[in-house]
Amino acid sequence: MTEYNDVTKPRHYASGDVECIDAIKAQMSLEEYQGYLRGCIVKYMWRWRHKGGVESLLKAEWYLSRLVDSDAQ
């Protein structure tokens, strides 16, 4: 059984067999995908004090981890 959580595996992004982030990645070049990830990092860092608190920081960290992984390709 899949374990969902609000940071790394939100239920609303995992309907069906394909996760949303994987579908986004499949549609983009590496440069576009890295730009998308950077935008998400900025968004969550921007709002952490006013919306989401530590959860927003954890989401930014999750996207940063994906960005680091994508650069290693």
PDB file of N, CA and C in Angstrom:
ATOM      1  N   MET A   1       0.835  -1.185   0.000  1.00  0.00           N
ATOM      2  CA  MET A   1       0.000   0.000   0.000  1.00  0.00           C
ATOM      3  C   MET A   1       0.886   1.258   0.000  1.00  0.00           C
ATOM      4  N   THR A   2       0.507   2.230  -0.782  1.00  0.00           N
ATOM      5  CA  THR A   2       1.262   3.468  -0.890  1.00  0.00           C
ATOM      6  C   THR A   2       1.010   4.356   0.317  1.00  0.00           C
ATOM      7  N   GLU A   3       2.080   4.915   0.866  1.00  0.00           N
ATOM      8  CA  GLU A   3       1.945   5.867   1.964  1.00  0.00           C
ATOM      9  C   GLU A   3       1.980   7.278   1.419  1.00  0.00           C
ATOM     10  N   TYR A   4       0.955   8.037   1.690  1.00  0.00           N
ATOM     11  CA  TYR A   4       0.866   9.420   1.239  1.00  0.00           C
ATOM     12  C   TYR A   4       1.206  10.356   2.385  1.00  0.00           C
ATOM     13  N   ASN A   5       1.763  11.525   2.040  1.00  0.00           N
ATOM     14  CA  ASN A   5       1.926  12.599   3.010  1.00  0.00           C
ATOM     15  C   ASN A   5       1.902  13.913   2.247  1.00  0.00           C
ATOM     16  N   ASP A   6       1.696  14.999   2.958  1.00  0.00           N
ATOM     17  CA  ASP A   6       1.488  16.290   2.312  1.00  0.00           C
ATOM     18  C   ASP A   6       2.738  16.882   1.676  1.00  0.00           C
ATOM     19  N   VAL A   7       3.909  16.364   2.004  1.00  0.00           N
ATOM     20  CA  VAL A   7       5.143  16.941   1.470  1.00  0.00           C
ATOM     21  C   VAL A   7       5.664  16.160   0.271  1.00  0.00           C
ATOM     22  N   THR A   8       5.943  14.888   0.440  1.00  0.00           N
ATOM     23  CA  THR A   8       6.626  14.139  -0.612  1.00  0.00           C
ATOM     24  C   THR A   8       5.709  13.319  -1.510  1.00  0.00           C
ATOM     25  N   LYS A   9       4.520  13.042  -1.070  1.00  0.00           N
ATOM     26  CA  LYS A   9       3.601  12.234  -1.872  1.00  0.00           C
ATOM     27  C   LYS A   9       2.151  12.582  -1.543  1.00  0.00           C
ATOM     28  N   PRO A  10       1.722  13.785  -1.950  1.00  0.00           N
ATOM     29  CA  PRO A  10       0.338  14.171  -1.682  1.00  0.00           C
ATOM     30  C   PRO A  10      -0.640  13.295  -2.465  1.00  0.00           C
ATOM     31  N   ARG A  11      -1.669  12.882  -1.824  1.00  0.00           N
ATOM     32  CA  ARG A  11      -2.670  12.009  -2.444  1.00  0.00           C
ATOM     33  C   ARG A  11      -3.251  12.639  -3.717  1.00  0.00           C
ATOM     34  N   HIS A  12      -3.468  13.952  -3.710  1.00  0.00           N
ATOM     35  CA  HIS A  12      -4.113  14.602  -4.855  1.00  0.00           C
ATOM     36  C   HIS A  12      -3.206  14.710  -6.081  1.00  0.00           C
ATOM     37  N   TYR A  13      -1.915  14.387  -5.966  1.00  0.00           N
ATOM     38  CA  TYR A  13      -1.015  14.374  -7.121  1.00  0.00           C
ATOM     39  C   TYR A  13      -0.668  12.965  -7.569  1.00  0.00           C
ATOM     40  N   ALA A  14      -1.283  11.980  -6.967  1.00  0.00           N
ATOM     41  CA  ALA A  14      -0.907  10.595  -7.267  1.00  0.00           C
ATOM     42  C   ALA A  14      -2.109   9.755  -7.698  1.00  0.00           C
ATOM     43  N   SER A  15      -3.053  10.361  -8.386  1.00  0.00           N
ATOM     44  CA  SER A  15      -4.186   9.570  -8.841  1.00  0.00           C
ATOM     45  C   SER A  15      -3.790   8.791 -10.093  1.00  0.00           C
ATOM     46  N   GLY A  16      -4.152   7.539 -10.143  1.00  0.00           N
ATOM     47  CA  GLY A  16      -3.767   6.708 -11.274  1.00  0.00           C
ATOM     48  C   GLY A  16      -2.370   6.140 -11.105  1.00  0.00           C
ATOM     49  N   ASP A  17      -1.792   5.695 -12.201  1.00  0.00           N
ATOM     50  CA  ASP A  17      -0.492   5.036 -12.154  1.00  0.00           C
ATOM     51  C   ASP A  17       0.692   5.987 -12.264  1.00  0.00           C
ATOM     52  N   VAL A  18       0.449   7.227 -12.695  1.00  0.00           N
ATOM     53  CA  VAL A  18       1.527   8.178 -12.934  1.00  0.00           C
ATOM     54  C   VAL A  18       1.378   9.360 -11.985  1.00  0.00           C
ATOM     55  N   GLU A  19       2.476   9.714 -11.327  1.00  0.00           N
ATOM     56  CA  GLU A  19       2.441  10.895 -10.472  1.00  0.00           C
ATOM     57  C   GLU A  19       2.563  12.143 -11.327  1.00  0.00           C
ATOM     58  N   CYS A  20       1.953  13.206 -10.899  1.00  0.00           N
ATOM     59  CA  CYS A  20       1.939  14.466 -11.626  1.00  0.00           C
ATOM     60  C   CYS A  20       3.356  14.945 -11.955  1.00  0.00           C
ATOM     61  N   ILE A  21       4.272  14.903 -11.002  1.00  0.00           N
ATOM     62  CA  ILE A  21       5.635  15.401 -11.220  1.00  0.00           C
ATOM     63  C   ILE A  21       6.327  14.617 -12.330  1.00  0.00           C
ATOM     64  N   ASP A  22       6.054  13.324 -12.430  1.00  0.00           N
ATOM     65  CA  ASP A  22       6.658  12.507 -13.486  1.00  0.00           C
ATOM     66  C   ASP A  22       6.068  12.850 -14.849  1.00  0.00           C
ATOM     67  N   ALA A  23       4.771  13.144 -14.898  1.00  0.00           N
ATOM     68  CA  ALA A  23       4.139  13.556 -16.154  1.00  0.00           C
ATOM     69  C   ALA A  23       4.679  14.912 -16.606  1.00  0.00           C
ATOM     70  N   ILE A  24       4.884  15.826 -15.661  1.00  0.00           N
ATOM     71  CA  ILE A  24       5.457  17.132 -15.989  1.00  0.00           C
ATOM     72  C   ILE A  24       6.855  16.955 -16.563  1.00  0.00           C
ATOM     73  N   LYS A  25       7.664  16.162 -15.903  1.00  0.00           N
ATOM     74  CA  LYS A  25       9.044  15.928 -16.348  1.00  0.00           C
ATOM     75  C   LYS A  25       9.079  15.328 -17.749  1.00  0.00           C
ATOM     76  N   ALA A  26       8.176  14.406 -18.031  1.00  0.00           N
ATOM     77  CA  ALA A  26       8.159  13.723 -19.322  1.00  0.00           C
ATOM     78  C   ALA A  26       7.825  14.672 -20.473  1.00  0.00           C
ATOM     79  N   GLN A  27       7.146  15.766 -20.176  1.00  0.00           N
ATOM     80  CA  GLN A  27       6.725  16.706 -21.210  1.00  0.00           C
ATOM     81  C   GLN A  27       7.730  17.808 -21.482  1.00  0.00           C
ATOM     82  N   MET A  28       8.783  17.879 -20.696  1.00  0.00           N
ATOM     83  CA  MET A  28       9.705  19.007 -20.770  1.00  0.00           C
ATOM     84  C   MET A  28      11.116  18.561 -21.117  1.00  0.00           C
ATOM     85  N   SER A  29      11.860  19.504 -21.682  1.00  0.00           N
ATOM     86  CA  SER A  29      13.296  19.270 -21.830  1.00  0.00           C
ATOM     87  C   SER A  29      13.913  19.354 -20.438  1.00  0.00           C
ATOM     88  N   LEU A  30      15.153  18.933 -20.300  1.00  0.00           N
ATOM     89  CA  LEU A  30      15.831  19.012 -19.005  1.00  0.00           C
ATOM     90  C   LEU A  30      15.890  20.458 -18.523  1.00  0.00           C
ATOM     91  N   GLU A  31      16.203  21.368 -19.413  1.00  0.00           N
ATOM     92  CA  GLU A  31      16.286  22.784 -19.037  1.00  0.00           C
ATOM     93  C   GLU A  31      14.928  23.317 -18.558  1.00  0.00           C
ATOM     94  N   GLU A  32      13.865  22.969 -19.249  1.00  0.00           N
ATOM     95  CA  GLU A  32      12.523  23.402 -18.844  1.00  0.00           C
ATOM     96  C   GLU A  32      12.153  22.813 -17.488  1.00  0.00           C
ATOM     97  N   TYR A  33      12.431  21.530 -17.307  1.00  0.00           N
ATOM     98  CA  TYR A  33      12.114  20.854 -16.052  1.00  0.00           C
ATOM     99  C   TYR A  33      12.876  21.477 -14.889  1.00  0.00           C
ATOM    100  N   GLN A  34      14.156  21.768 -15.093  1.00  0.00           N
ATOM    101  CA  GLN A  34      14.935  22.401 -14.034  1.00  0.00           C
ATOM    102  C   GLN A  34      14.394  23.793 -13.719  1.00  0.00           C
ATOM    103  N   GLY A  35      13.937  24.512 -14.724  1.00  0.00           N
ATOM    104  CA  GLY A  35      13.316  25.813 -14.490  1.00  0.00           C
ATOM    105  C   GLY A  35      12.028  25.688 -13.686  1.00  0.00           C
ATOM    106  N   TYR A  36      11.246  24.678 -14.001  1.00  0.00           N
ATOM    107  CA  TYR A  36      10.024  24.409 -13.243  1.00  0.00           C
ATOM    108  C   TYR A  36      10.352  24.140 -11.773  1.00  0.00           C
ATOM    109  N   LEU A  37      11.346  23.289 -11.552  1.00  0.00           N
ATOM    110  CA  LEU A  37      11.745  22.965 -10.177  1.00  0.00           C
ATOM    111  C   LEU A  37      12.219  24.211  -9.439  1.00  0.00           C
ATOM    112  N   ARG A  38      13.017  25.035 -10.098  1.00  0.00           N
ATOM    113  CA  ARG A  38      13.503  26.279  -9.485  1.00  0.00           C
ATOM    114  C   ARG A  38      12.335  27.181  -9.106  1.00  0.00           C
ATOM    115  N   GLY A  39      11.348  27.270  -9.983  1.00  0.00           N
ATOM    116  CA  GLY A  39      10.169  28.087  -9.690  1.00  0.00           C
ATOM    117  C   GLY A  39       9.419  27.584  -8.471  1.00  0.00           C
ATOM    118  N   CYS A  40       9.285  26.282  -8.357  1.00  0.00           N
ATOM    119  CA  CYS A  40       8.602  25.703  -7.189  1.00  0.00           C
ATOM    120  C   CYS A  40       9.379  25.982  -5.909  1.00  0.00           C
ATOM    121  N   ILE A  41      10.694  25.885  -5.975  1.00  0.00           N
ATOM    122  CA  ILE A  41      11.531  26.176  -4.806  1.00  0.00           C
ATOM    123  C   ILE A  41      11.316  27.617  -4.362  1.00  0.00           C
ATOM    124  N   VAL A  42      11.359  28.541  -5.311  1.00  0.00           N
ATOM    125  CA  VAL A  42      11.158  29.964  -4.987  1.00  0.00           C
ATOM    126  C   VAL A  42       9.777  30.181  -4.369  1.00  0.00           C
ATOM    127  N   LYS A  43       8.756  29.559  -4.949  1.00  0.00           N
ATOM    128  CA  LYS A  43       7.390  29.715  -4.444  1.00  0.00           C
ATOM    129  C   LYS A  43       7.295  29.292  -2.978  1.00  0.00           C
ATOM    130  N   TYR A  44       7.808  28.119  -2.674  1.00  0.00           N
ATOM    131  CA  TYR A  44       7.687  27.630  -1.298  1.00  0.00           C
ATOM    132  C   TYR A  44       8.564  28.405  -0.325  1.00  0.00           C
ATOM    133  N   MET A  45       9.713  28.855  -0.756  1.00  0.00           N
ATOM    134  CA  MET A  45      10.555  29.692   0.109  1.00  0.00           C
ATOM    135  C   MET A  45       9.894  31.048   0.346  1.00  0.00           C
ATOM    136  N   TRP A  46       9.255  31.578  -0.675  1.00  0.00           N
ATOM    137  CA  TRP A  46       8.615  32.885  -0.605  1.00  0.00           C
ATOM    138  C   TRP A  46       7.494  32.896   0.435  1.00  0.00           C
ATOM    139  N   ARG A  47       6.744  31.827   0.482  1.00  0.00           N
ATOM    140  CA  ARG A  47       5.530  31.829   1.306  1.00  0.00           C
ATOM    141  C   ARG A  47       5.676  31.187   2.675  1.00  0.00           C
ATOM    142  N   TRP A  48       6.828  30.640   3.012  1.00  0.00           N
ATOM    143  CA  TRP A  48       6.928  29.811   4.212  1.00  0.00           C
ATOM    144  C   TRP A  48       6.541  30.517   5.494  1.00  0.00           C
ATOM    145  N   ARG A  49       6.832  31.794   5.621  1.00  0.00           N
ATOM    146  CA  ARG A  49       6.472  32.500   6.862  1.00  0.00           C
ATOM    147  C   ARG A  49       4.997  32.870   6.935  1.00  0.00           C
ATOM    148  N   HIS A  50       4.338  32.938   5.797  1.00  0.00           N
ATOM    149  CA  HIS A  50       2.957  33.421   5.766  1.00  0.00           C
ATOM    150  C   HIS A  50       1.943  32.329   5.455  1.00  0.00           C
ATOM    151  N   LYS A  51       2.409  31.236   4.886  1.00  0.00           N
ATOM    152  CA  LYS A  51       1.504  30.137   4.553  1.00  0.00           C
ATOM    153  C   LYS A  51       2.306  28.842   4.564  1.00  0.00           C
ATOM    154  N   GLY A  52       1.935  27.951   5.390  1.00  0.00           N
ATOM    155  CA  GLY A  52       2.551  26.634   5.367  1.00  0.00           C
ATOM    156  C   GLY A  52       3.660  26.400   6.370  1.00  0.00           C
ATOM    157  N   GLY A  53       4.363  27.452   6.761  1.00  0.00           N
ATOM    158  CA  GLY A  53       5.426  27.301   7.747  1.00  0.00           C
ATOM    159  C   GLY A  53       6.462  26.265   7.349  1.00  0.00           C
ATOM    160  N   VAL A  54       6.810  25.416   8.293  1.00  0.00           N
ATOM    161  CA  VAL A  54       7.839  24.392   8.075  1.00  0.00           C
ATOM    162  C   VAL A  54       7.455  23.461   6.923  1.00  0.00           C
ATOM    163  N   GLU A  55       6.180  23.183   6.758  1.00  0.00           N
ATOM    164  CA  GLU A  55       5.758  22.325   5.646  1.00  0.00           C
ATOM    165  C   GLU A  55       6.176  22.932   4.304  1.00  0.00           C
ATOM    166  N   SER A  56       6.074  24.244   4.158  1.00  0.00           N
ATOM    167  CA  SER A  56       6.520  24.893   2.924  1.00  0.00           C
ATOM    168  C   SER A  56       8.025  24.732   2.739  1.00  0.00           C
ATOM    169  N   LEU A  57       8.789  24.824   3.820  1.00  0.00           N
ATOM    170  CA  LEU A  57      10.235  24.617   3.726  1.00  0.00           C
ATOM    171  C   LEU A  57      10.562  23.181   3.316  1.00  0.00           C
ATOM    172  N   LEU A  58       9.809  22.230   3.828  1.00  0.00           N
ATOM    173  CA  LEU A  58      10.024  20.833   3.474  1.00  0.00           C
ATOM    174  C   LEU A  58       9.680  20.586   2.007  1.00  0.00           C
ATOM    175  N   LYS A  59       8.646  21.266   1.519  1.00  0.00           N
ATOM    176  CA  LYS A  59       8.309  21.143   0.098  1.00  0.00           C
ATOM    177  C   LYS A  59       9.411  21.754  -0.763  1.00  0.00           C
ATOM    178  N   ALA A  60       9.938  22.900  -0.361  1.00  0.00           N
ATOM    179  CA  ALA A  60      11.052  23.514  -1.092  1.00  0.00           C
ATOM    180  C   ALA A  60      12.241  22.560  -1.111  1.00  0.00           C
ATOM    181  N   GLU A  61      12.505  21.922   0.003  1.00  0.00           N
ATOM    182  CA  GLU A  61      13.609  20.970   0.099  1.00  0.00           C
ATOM    183  C   GLU A  61      13.378  19.779  -0.841  1.00  0.00           C
ATOM    184  N   TRP A  62      12.137  19.321  -0.937  1.00  0.00           N
ATOM    185  CA  TRP A  62      11.808  18.203  -1.813  1.00  0.00           C
ATOM    186  C   TRP A  62      12.102  18.566  -3.272  1.00  0.00           C
ATOM    187  N   TYR A  63      11.675  19.763  -3.682  1.00  0.00           N
ATOM    188  CA  TYR A  63      11.950  20.211  -5.042  1.00  0.00           C
ATOM    189  C   TYR A  63      13.440  20.438  -5.260  1.00  0.00           C
ATOM    190  N   LEU A  64      14.127  20.946  -4.262  1.00  0.00           N
ATOM    191  CA  LEU A  64      15.573  21.139  -4.371  1.00  0.00           C
ATOM    192  C   LEU A  64      16.279  19.804  -4.562  1.00  0.00           C
ATOM    193  N   SER A  65      15.846  18.793  -3.862  1.00  0.00           N
ATOM    194  CA  SER A  65      16.421  17.459  -4.013  1.00  0.00           C
ATOM    195  C   SER A  65      16.235  16.948  -5.441  1.00  0.00           C
ATOM    196  N   ARG A  66      15.070  17.180  -6.005  1.00  0.00           N
ATOM    197  CA  ARG A  66      14.823  16.784  -7.395  1.00  0.00           C
ATOM    198  C   ARG A  66      15.723  17.564  -8.345  1.00  0.00           C
ATOM    199  N   LEU A  67      15.934  18.848  -8.055  1.00  0.00           N
ATOM    200  CA  LEU A  67      16.805  19.659  -8.897  1.00  0.00           C
ATOM    201  C   LEU A  67      18.243  19.139  -8.843  1.00  0.00           C
ATOM    202  N   VAL A  68      18.710  18.825  -7.650  1.00  0.00           N
ATOM    203  CA  VAL A  68      20.054  18.259  -7.499  1.00  0.00           C
ATOM    204  C   VAL A  68      20.155  16.952  -8.284  1.00  0.00           C
ATOM    205  N   ASP A  69      19.158  16.093  -8.155  1.00  0.00           N
ATOM    206  CA  ASP A  69      19.166  14.813  -8.877  1.00  0.00           C
ATOM    207  C   ASP A  69      19.161  15.022 -10.384  1.00  0.00           C
ATOM    208  N   SER A  70      18.424  16.020 -10.853  1.00  0.00           N
ATOM    209  CA  SER A  70      18.336  16.256 -12.297  1.00  0.00           C
ATOM    210  C   SER A  70      19.648  16.772 -12.854  1.00  0.00           C
ATOM    211  N   ASP A  71      20.414  17.476 -12.036  1.00  0.00           N
ATOM    212  CA  ASP A  71      21.690  18.020 -12.491  1.00  0.00           C
ATOM    213  C   ASP A  71      22.768  16.939 -12.556  1.00  0.00           C
ATOM    214  N   ALA A  72      22.531  15.846 -11.871  1.00  0.00           N
ATOM    215  CA  ALA A  72      23.500  14.755 -11.859  1.00  0.00           C
ATOM    216  C   ALA A  72      23.374  13.871 -13.095  1.00  0.00           C
ATOM    217  N   GLN A  73      22.359  14.107 -13.890  1.00  0.00           N
ATOM    218  CA  GLN A  73      22.113  13.268 -15.077  1.00  0.00           C
ATOM    219  C   GLN A  73      23.134  13.500 -16.147  1.00  0.00           C
TER     220      GLN A  73
END
